[in-house]
Amino acid sequence: MYLMVEDNPNCSAEERVFAASGAQREVSEVLLDRPDGTTGWCELIGVADANTFGPAVAQQVEDSAAGVAWLITGGNWGLRVRPSGVNALWTVDDPAQWGVPFLVMDDSAGVVRFKEES
């Protein structure tokens, strides 16, 4: 799987190749280290452009560090992330939210919550 996110207002550019397997699953939350230094559950959404958002999806990939991992992707502009429980609109202009091109999460139980489990 070839993944390319161009430089945009949400996040910096990133280009990678992954060996993907299995079906994609929609993601609702992930357990992350946040920019403020805390660790906690975060909601995420895919970003197609400045005002277009869609689901974040995970697919299992081979990872040189972790063996098998979850690759979480969004739209052309990557992912938008915020602490869980924040009831604000998704926007690339909100400083309480942050953008990332994609996430690679450990396949261990408990770090990714899927929509069908919510």
N, C-alpha and C. Protein backbone atom coordinates (compact mmCIF):
# COMPACT_ATOMS: atom_id res chain seq x y z
N MET A 1 0.85 -1.17 0.00
CA MET A 1 0.00 0.00 0.00
C MET A 1 0.90 1.23 0.00
N TYR A 2 0.67 2.10 -0.96
CA TYR A 2 1.42 3.35 -1.04
C TYR A 2 0.57 4.46 -0.42
N LEU A 3 1.14 5.18 0.54
CA LEU A 3 0.42 6.23 1.24
C LEU A 3 1.15 7.55 1.05
N MET A 4 0.43 8.55 0.55
CA MET A 4 1.03 9.87 0.36
C MET A 4 0.06 10.94 0.84
N VAL A 5 0.54 11.77 1.74
CA VAL A 5 -0.20 12.94 2.21
C VAL A 5 0.66 14.15 1.84
N GLU A 6 0.09 15.03 1.03
CA GLU A 6 0.83 16.23 0.62
C GLU A 6 0.82 17.26 1.72
N ASP A 7 1.80 18.14 1.70
CA ASP A 7 1.86 19.25 2.65
C ASP A 7 0.57 20.06 2.56
N ASN A 8 -0.05 20.36 3.70
CA ASN A 8 -1.34 21.06 3.71
C ASN A 8 -1.51 21.77 5.05
N PRO A 9 -2.56 22.57 5.22
CA PRO A 9 -2.76 23.30 6.48
C PRO A 9 -3.01 22.41 7.71
N ASN A 10 -3.37 21.15 7.51
CA ASN A 10 -3.63 20.24 8.63
C ASN A 10 -2.35 19.58 9.16
N CYS A 11 -1.43 19.21 8.26
CA CYS A 11 -0.23 18.48 8.68
C CYS A 11 0.85 18.57 7.62
N SER A 12 2.03 18.12 7.99
CA SER A 12 3.14 18.10 7.04
C SER A 12 3.03 16.89 6.10
N ALA A 13 3.78 16.94 5.03
CA ALA A 13 3.76 15.87 4.03
C ALA A 13 4.41 14.60 4.58
N GLU A 14 3.93 13.48 4.09
CA GLU A 14 4.50 12.19 4.46
C GLU A 14 4.23 11.21 3.33
N GLU A 15 5.20 10.38 3.05
CA GLU A 15 5.09 9.40 1.97
C GLU A 15 5.72 8.10 2.45
N ARG A 16 4.94 7.01 2.44
CA ARG A 16 5.45 5.72 2.95
C ARG A 16 4.81 4.57 2.18
N VAL A 17 5.44 3.43 2.26
CA VAL A 17 4.91 2.20 1.68
C VAL A 17 4.74 1.18 2.81
N PHE A 18 3.58 0.53 2.84
CA PHE A 18 3.28 -0.47 3.87
C PHE A 18 2.81 -1.75 3.21
N ALA A 19 3.07 -2.87 3.84
CA ALA A 19 2.52 -4.16 3.43
C ALA A 19 1.24 -4.36 4.23
N ALA A 20 0.10 -4.11 3.60
CA ALA A 20 -1.19 -4.15 4.29
C ALA A 20 -1.86 -5.51 4.13
N SER A 21 -2.66 -5.87 5.13
CA SER A 21 -3.44 -7.10 5.07
C SER A 21 -4.76 -6.91 5.78
N GLY A 22 -5.75 -7.66 5.37
CA GLY A 22 -7.04 -7.61 6.02
C GLY A 22 -7.89 -6.44 5.58
N ALA A 23 -9.10 -6.41 6.08
CA ALA A 23 -10.06 -5.37 5.73
C ALA A 23 -9.85 -4.12 6.57
N GLN A 24 -10.26 -2.99 6.02
CA GLN A 24 -10.22 -1.74 6.78
C GLN A 24 -11.38 -1.72 7.78
N ARG A 25 -11.11 -1.08 8.94
CA ARG A 25 -12.14 -0.92 9.97
C ARG A 25 -12.18 0.54 10.38
N GLU A 26 -13.38 1.07 10.59
CA GLU A 26 -13.51 2.47 10.99
C GLU A 26 -13.12 2.63 12.46
N VAL A 27 -12.35 3.67 12.74
CA VAL A 27 -11.80 3.93 14.07
C VAL A 27 -12.58 5.06 14.74
N SER A 28 -12.85 4.92 16.03
CA SER A 28 -13.50 6.00 16.78
C SER A 28 -12.52 6.72 17.69
N GLU A 29 -11.61 5.98 18.36
CA GLU A 29 -10.67 6.58 19.30
C GLU A 29 -9.36 5.80 19.33
N VAL A 30 -8.30 6.49 19.72
CA VAL A 30 -6.99 5.86 19.94
C VAL A 30 -6.39 6.41 21.23
N LEU A 31 -5.55 5.62 21.85
CA LEU A 31 -4.84 6.03 23.05
C LEU A 31 -3.50 6.61 22.61
N LEU A 32 -3.30 7.93 22.85
CA LEU A 32 -2.14 8.65 22.31
C LEU A 32 -1.43 9.49 23.35
N ASP A 33 -0.16 9.73 23.09
CA ASP A 33 0.57 10.79 23.77
C ASP A 33 0.17 12.09 23.08
N ARG A 34 -0.38 13.02 23.84
CA ARG A 34 -0.88 14.28 23.28
C ARG A 34 0.22 15.34 23.25
N PRO A 35 0.04 16.38 22.43
CA PRO A 35 1.04 17.46 22.35
C PRO A 35 1.31 18.15 23.69
N ASP A 36 0.35 18.12 24.63
CA ASP A 36 0.56 18.78 25.92
C ASP A 36 1.32 17.91 26.92
N GLY A 37 1.76 16.73 26.49
CA GLY A 37 2.54 15.85 27.36
C GLY A 37 1.72 14.81 28.12
N THR A 38 0.40 14.87 28.03
CA THR A 38 -0.45 13.88 28.68
C THR A 38 -0.70 12.71 27.73
N THR A 39 -1.17 11.61 28.28
CA THR A 39 -1.58 10.46 27.49
C THR A 39 -3.05 10.23 27.76
N GLY A 40 -3.83 10.01 26.71
CA GLY A 40 -5.25 9.77 26.91
C GLY A 40 -5.94 9.40 25.62
N TRP A 41 -7.22 9.10 25.75
CA TRP A 41 -8.03 8.74 24.59
C TRP A 41 -8.29 9.98 23.75
N CYS A 42 -8.19 9.77 22.45
CA CYS A 42 -8.41 10.86 21.49
C CYS A 42 -9.33 10.39 20.38
N GLU A 43 -10.22 11.28 19.97
CA GLU A 43 -11.07 11.04 18.81
C GLU A 43 -10.30 11.47 17.56
N LEU A 44 -10.62 10.88 16.44
CA LEU A 44 -9.96 11.28 15.22
C LEU A 44 -10.90 11.15 14.03
N ILE A 45 -10.58 11.92 13.00
CA ILE A 45 -11.39 11.97 11.80
C ILE A 45 -10.47 12.20 10.61
N GLY A 46 -10.86 11.71 9.46
CA GLY A 46 -10.10 11.94 8.24
C GLY A 46 -10.37 13.33 7.69
N VAL A 47 -9.35 13.94 7.10
CA VAL A 47 -9.48 15.29 6.54
C VAL A 47 -9.21 15.21 5.04
N ALA A 48 -10.23 15.55 4.24
CA ALA A 48 -10.07 15.54 2.78
C ALA A 48 -9.56 16.89 2.29
N ASP A 49 -10.06 17.97 2.88
CA ASP A 49 -9.59 19.33 2.61
C ASP A 49 -10.04 20.21 3.76
N ALA A 50 -9.95 21.52 3.62
CA ALA A 50 -10.20 22.43 4.74
C ALA A 50 -11.54 22.23 5.43
N ASN A 51 -12.58 21.87 4.71
CA ASN A 51 -13.91 21.76 5.32
C ASN A 51 -14.60 20.43 5.03
N THR A 52 -13.86 19.43 4.63
CA THR A 52 -14.44 18.13 4.32
C THR A 52 -13.79 17.06 5.18
N PHE A 53 -14.61 16.39 5.97
CA PHE A 53 -14.12 15.38 6.91
C PHE A 53 -14.82 14.06 6.64
N GLY A 54 -14.15 12.97 6.96
CA GLY A 54 -14.72 11.64 6.77
C GLY A 54 -14.13 10.69 7.79
N PRO A 55 -14.41 9.42 7.64
CA PRO A 55 -13.96 8.47 8.66
C PRO A 55 -12.45 8.29 8.68
N ALA A 56 -11.95 7.93 9.85
CA ALA A 56 -10.58 7.45 10.00
C ALA A 56 -10.68 5.93 9.95
N VAL A 57 -9.80 5.29 9.20
CA VAL A 57 -9.85 3.84 9.06
C VAL A 57 -8.51 3.21 9.41
N ALA A 58 -8.59 1.99 9.93
CA ALA A 58 -7.39 1.24 10.30
C ALA A 58 -7.30 -0.02 9.47
N GLN A 59 -6.08 -0.39 9.14
CA GLN A 59 -5.82 -1.64 8.45
C GLN A 59 -4.52 -2.22 9.02
N GLN A 60 -4.46 -3.51 9.18
CA GLN A 60 -3.25 -4.12 9.70
C GLN A 60 -2.14 -4.06 8.66
N VAL A 61 -0.92 -3.74 9.14
CA VAL A 61 0.26 -3.65 8.29
C VAL A 61 1.43 -4.32 8.99
N GLU A 62 2.43 -4.66 8.20
CA GLU A 62 3.69 -5.13 8.78
C GLU A 62 4.51 -3.91 9.16
N ASP A 63 5.06 -3.92 10.38
CA ASP A 63 5.86 -2.81 10.87
C ASP A 63 7.20 -3.36 11.34
N SER A 64 8.30 -2.73 10.90
CA SER A 64 9.62 -3.24 11.25
C SER A 64 9.89 -3.21 12.75
N ALA A 65 9.27 -2.28 13.47
CA ALA A 65 9.50 -2.17 14.91
C ALA A 65 8.56 -3.06 15.72
N ALA A 66 7.28 -3.10 15.33
CA ALA A 66 6.28 -3.77 16.15
C ALA A 66 5.82 -5.11 15.60
N GLY A 67 6.26 -5.51 14.42
CA GLY A 67 5.75 -6.72 13.80
C GLY A 67 4.48 -6.40 13.03
N VAL A 68 3.33 -6.63 13.67
CA VAL A 68 2.05 -6.27 13.07
C VAL A 68 1.51 -5.06 13.82
N ALA A 69 1.00 -4.10 13.06
CA ALA A 69 0.49 -2.86 13.66
C ALA A 69 -0.76 -2.43 12.92
N TRP A 70 -1.45 -1.45 13.49
CA TRP A 70 -2.59 -0.81 12.82
C TRP A 70 -2.11 0.47 12.15
N LEU A 71 -2.33 0.60 10.86
CA LEU A 71 -2.10 1.83 10.14
C LEU A 71 -3.43 2.56 10.09
N ILE A 72 -3.49 3.77 10.66
CA ILE A 72 -4.72 4.54 10.70
C ILE A 72 -4.56 5.73 9.75
N THR A 73 -5.46 5.82 8.79
CA THR A 73 -5.39 6.86 7.78
C THR A 73 -6.71 7.61 7.70
N GLY A 74 -6.66 8.78 7.06
CA GLY A 74 -7.85 9.60 6.86
C GLY A 74 -7.98 9.96 5.40
N GLY A 75 -8.05 11.25 5.12
CA GLY A 75 -8.21 11.72 3.75
C GLY A 75 -6.91 12.25 3.18
N ASN A 76 -7.02 13.03 2.09
CA ASN A 76 -5.86 13.61 1.41
C ASN A 76 -5.02 14.48 2.34
N TRP A 77 -5.66 15.07 3.34
CA TRP A 77 -4.96 15.94 4.30
C TRP A 77 -4.66 15.22 5.61
N GLY A 78 -4.75 13.90 5.64
CA GLY A 78 -4.39 13.14 6.84
C GLY A 78 -5.51 13.00 7.84
N LEU A 79 -5.14 13.06 9.11
CA LEU A 79 -6.07 12.89 10.23
C LEU A 79 -6.12 14.15 11.08
N ARG A 80 -7.26 14.40 11.70
CA ARG A 80 -7.42 15.46 12.70
C ARG A 80 -7.71 14.77 14.02
N VAL A 81 -7.06 15.22 15.10
CA VAL A 81 -7.13 14.54 16.40
C VAL A 81 -7.49 15.56 17.48
N ARG A 82 -8.27 15.09 18.48
CA ARG A 82 -8.59 15.93 19.64
C ARG A 82 -8.84 15.02 20.84
N PRO A 83 -8.66 15.55 22.05
CA PRO A 83 -8.98 14.74 23.24
C PRO A 83 -10.44 14.29 23.20
N SER A 84 -10.70 13.08 23.63
CA SER A 84 -12.07 12.56 23.66
C SER A 84 -12.95 13.40 24.58
N GLY A 85 -14.21 13.52 24.20
CA GLY A 85 -15.17 14.24 25.02
C GLY A 85 -15.28 15.72 24.72
N VAL A 86 -14.49 16.24 23.80
CA VAL A 86 -14.57 17.65 23.42
C VAL A 86 -15.71 17.80 22.41
N ASN A 87 -16.67 18.63 22.72
CA ASN A 87 -17.83 18.79 21.84
C ASN A 87 -17.71 20.04 20.98
N ALA A 88 -16.70 20.09 20.15
CA ALA A 88 -16.49 21.22 19.24
C ALA A 88 -16.55 20.70 17.81
N LEU A 89 -16.80 21.59 16.89
CA LEU A 89 -16.78 21.21 15.48
C LEU A 89 -15.36 20.86 15.06
N TRP A 90 -15.24 19.92 14.15
CA TRP A 90 -13.94 19.62 13.57
C TRP A 90 -13.55 20.77 12.64
N THR A 91 -12.33 21.26 12.80
CA THR A 91 -11.82 22.31 11.94
C THR A 91 -10.29 22.31 12.00
N VAL A 92 -9.66 22.65 10.90
CA VAL A 92 -8.20 22.70 10.90
C VAL A 92 -7.68 23.95 11.60
N ASP A 93 -8.57 24.85 12.01
CA ASP A 93 -8.18 26.10 12.67
C ASP A 93 -8.25 26.04 14.20
N ASP A 94 -8.78 24.97 14.78
CA ASP A 94 -8.94 24.87 16.23
C ASP A 94 -7.62 24.46 16.88
N PRO A 95 -7.04 25.31 17.74
CA PRO A 95 -5.76 24.97 18.37
C PRO A 95 -5.86 23.83 19.39
N ALA A 96 -7.07 23.45 19.81
CA ALA A 96 -7.24 22.32 20.71
C ALA A 96 -7.21 20.99 19.96
N GLN A 97 -7.19 21.05 18.63
CA GLN A 97 -7.08 19.88 17.77
C GLN A 97 -5.72 19.92 17.08
N TRP A 98 -5.25 18.79 16.58
CA TRP A 98 -3.99 18.77 15.86
C TRP A 98 -4.07 17.79 14.70
N GLY A 99 -3.23 17.99 13.72
CA GLY A 99 -3.23 17.15 12.54
C GLY A 99 -1.99 16.27 12.46
N VAL A 100 -2.16 15.08 11.91
CA VAL A 100 -1.07 14.15 11.64
C VAL A 100 -1.33 13.49 10.29
N PRO A 101 -0.28 13.14 9.56
CA PRO A 101 -0.50 12.50 8.26
C PRO A 101 -1.19 11.14 8.40
N PHE A 102 -0.76 10.34 9.38
CA PHE A 102 -1.33 9.02 9.67
C PHE A 102 -0.78 8.58 11.02
N LEU A 103 -1.28 7.47 11.53
CA LEU A 103 -0.77 6.90 12.77
C LEU A 103 -0.46 5.43 12.56
N VAL A 104 0.60 4.94 13.18
CA VAL A 104 0.90 3.52 13.25
C VAL A 104 0.82 3.15 14.73
N MET A 105 -0.15 2.30 15.05
CA MET A 105 -0.43 1.94 16.44
C MET A 105 -0.11 0.47 16.67
N ASP A 106 0.43 0.19 17.84
CA ASP A 106 0.73 -1.18 18.27
C ASP A 106 -0.54 -2.03 18.14
N ASP A 107 -0.36 -3.26 17.72
CA ASP A 107 -1.49 -4.17 17.54
C ASP A 107 -2.01 -4.73 18.86
N SER A 108 -1.36 -4.38 19.97
CA SER A 108 -1.80 -4.91 21.26
C SER A 108 -3.20 -4.39 21.59
N ALA A 109 -3.90 -5.16 22.36
CA ALA A 109 -5.28 -4.82 22.73
C ALA A 109 -5.32 -3.52 23.53
N GLY A 110 -6.35 -2.74 23.28
CA GLY A 110 -6.60 -1.60 24.13
C GLY A 110 -6.08 -0.25 23.67
N VAL A 111 -5.45 -0.12 22.52
CA VAL A 111 -4.97 1.19 22.09
C VAL A 111 -5.78 1.77 20.94
N VAL A 112 -6.62 0.94 20.31
CA VAL A 112 -7.49 1.41 19.22
C VAL A 112 -8.90 0.95 19.53
N ARG A 113 -9.84 1.89 19.47
CA ARG A 113 -11.26 1.55 19.61
C ARG A 113 -11.92 1.73 18.24
N PHE A 114 -12.66 0.71 17.84
CA PHE A 114 -13.30 0.71 16.54
C PHE A 114 -14.76 1.11 16.65
N LYS A 115 -15.31 1.72 15.60
CA LYS A 115 -16.70 2.18 15.60
C LYS A 115 -17.68 1.07 15.96
N GLU A 116 -17.49 -0.12 15.39
CA GLU A 116 -18.45 -1.20 15.64
C GLU A 116 -18.43 -1.65 17.10
N GLU A 117 -17.41 -1.27 17.86
CA GLU A 117 -17.33 -1.63 19.27
C GLU A 117 -17.86 -0.54 20.18
N SER A 118 -18.14 0.65 19.63
CA SER A 118 -18.59 1.79 20.43
C SER A 118 -20.04 1.68 20.80
